[in-house]
Amino acid sequence: MRCPAAALRRAVLHGDGWYGVGHTLDGVAPVLQKLRDIAADRGRDFASLQITTACHTVDRDELRRREDLGVTRLVVTPWERGRDAVAGLQRLADAVLHRD
């Protein structure tokens, strides 16, 4: 998904963070690198930005990989309705939550 450079600059210069929607794991990595580069050029600590991405499904590995890239918040949108919504949330919980 395309993310205009001007929008990324505004996020760094005037915002508290960036919210990326529709980016795959591979697609979000170069966007976050651009944000890092802009932050470095403007004297802002990249870690001061809240980085949020959204995806439909996630497992523990992808969750860790997004975190390693600098994502601080993940919005998961399984988009299921009715009884299927509960089952979808249960599948998500089973995939990412540690149960001891």
Protein backbone atom coordinates (compact mmCIF):
# COMPACT_ATOMS: atom_id res chain seq x y z
CA MET A 1 0.00 0.00 0.00
CA ARG A 2 1.32 3.42 -0.94
CA CYS A 3 2.02 5.93 1.81
CA PRO A 4 2.82 9.47 0.59
CA ALA A 5 6.08 10.97 1.85
CA ALA A 6 4.26 14.18 2.82
CA ALA A 7 1.96 12.22 5.13
CA LEU A 8 4.93 10.54 6.77
CA ARG A 9 6.65 13.90 7.27
CA ARG A 10 3.51 15.33 8.87
CA ALA A 11 3.30 12.34 11.21
CA VAL A 12 6.88 12.92 12.37
CA LEU A 13 6.75 16.72 12.52
CA HIS A 14 3.30 17.28 13.97
CA GLY A 15 1.92 14.00 15.26
CA ASP A 16 2.22 11.59 18.12
CA GLY A 17 2.53 8.63 15.79
CA TRP A 18 1.45 6.90 12.62
CA TYR A 19 -1.44 4.52 11.90
CA GLY A 20 -0.90 2.23 8.93
CA VAL A 21 -3.88 0.37 7.52
CA GLY A 22 -3.72 -2.32 4.88
CA HIS A 23 0.02 -2.97 5.11
CA THR A 24 1.32 -6.51 5.06
CA LEU A 25 4.26 -7.30 7.27
CA ASP A 26 6.60 -6.99 4.28
CA GLY A 27 4.87 -3.82 3.15
CA VAL A 28 5.07 -2.00 6.47
CA ALA A 29 8.84 -2.47 6.90
CA PRO A 30 9.90 0.07 4.23
CA VAL A 31 7.33 2.59 5.48
CA LEU A 32 8.71 2.34 9.00
CA GLN A 33 12.23 2.78 7.64
CA LYS A 34 11.09 5.98 5.90
CA LEU A 35 9.61 7.19 9.18
CA ARG A 36 12.91 6.41 10.94
CA ASP A 37 14.85 8.31 8.28
CA ILE A 38 12.56 11.34 8.48
CA ALA A 39 12.71 11.31 12.28
CA ALA A 40 16.52 11.16 12.20
CA ASP A 41 16.69 14.01 9.66
CA ARG A 42 14.39 16.15 11.82
CA GLY A 43 16.06 15.34 15.13
CA ARG A 44 13.17 13.33 16.53
CA ASP A 45 13.55 10.05 18.37
CA PHE A 46 11.66 7.40 16.39
CA ALA A 47 10.82 5.67 19.68
CA SER A 48 8.73 8.71 20.67
CA LEU A 49 6.23 7.86 17.91
CA GLN A 50 3.34 5.51 18.59
CA ILE A 51 3.30 3.15 15.61
CA THR A 52 -0.03 1.44 14.98
CA THR A 53 -0.78 -1.03 12.22
CA ALA A 54 -3.87 -3.03 11.39
CA CYS A 55 -4.25 -6.50 9.96
CA HIS A 56 -6.95 -9.15 9.64
CA THR A 57 -5.09 -12.05 11.23
CA VAL A 58 -1.89 -12.47 13.17
CA ASP A 59 0.08 -15.20 14.88
CA ARG A 60 2.79 -14.98 17.54
CA ASP A 61 5.61 -14.89 14.98
CA GLU A 62 4.08 -12.00 13.05
CA LEU A 63 3.30 -10.20 16.28
CA ARG A 64 6.97 -10.42 17.32
CA ARG A 65 8.18 -9.40 13.87
CA ARG A 66 5.93 -6.32 13.86
CA GLU A 67 7.18 -5.41 17.32
CA ASP A 68 10.79 -5.81 16.13
CA LEU A 69 10.02 -3.37 13.30
CA GLY A 70 8.84 -0.76 15.81
CA VAL A 71 5.09 -1.34 15.89
CA THR A 72 3.81 -0.38 19.34
CA ARG A 73 0.11 -1.10 18.81
CA LEU A 74 -1.67 -3.61 16.58
CA VAL A 75 -5.34 -3.44 15.64
CA VAL A 76 -6.66 -6.82 14.53
CA THR A 77 -9.84 -6.76 12.48
CA PRO A 78 -11.14 -10.27 11.79
CA TRP A 79 -14.39 -8.80 10.38
CA GLU A 80 -16.63 -11.67 11.29
CA ARG A 81 -20.22 -11.27 12.43
CA GLY A 82 -22.66 -13.05 14.69
CA ARG A 83 -21.58 -16.34 16.20
CA ASP A 84 -18.62 -16.43 13.81
CA ALA A 85 -17.25 -13.28 15.47
CA VAL A 86 -16.81 -15.06 18.79
CA ALA A 87 -15.13 -18.02 17.07
CA GLY A 88 -12.84 -15.62 15.18
CA LEU A 89 -11.82 -13.88 18.38
CA GLN A 90 -11.19 -17.25 20.02
CA ARG A 91 -8.93 -18.31 17.12
CA LEU A 92 -7.03 -15.03 17.49
CA ALA A 93 -6.65 -15.50 21.24
CA ASP A 94 -5.46 -19.08 20.74
CA ALA A 95 -2.90 -17.88 18.19
CA VAL A 96 -1.34 -15.05 20.19
CA LEU A 97 -2.01 -15.44 23.90
CA HIS A 98 0.26 -17.49 26.09
CA ARG A 99 -1.71 -19.93 28.16
CA ASP A 100 0.07 -21.70 30.99
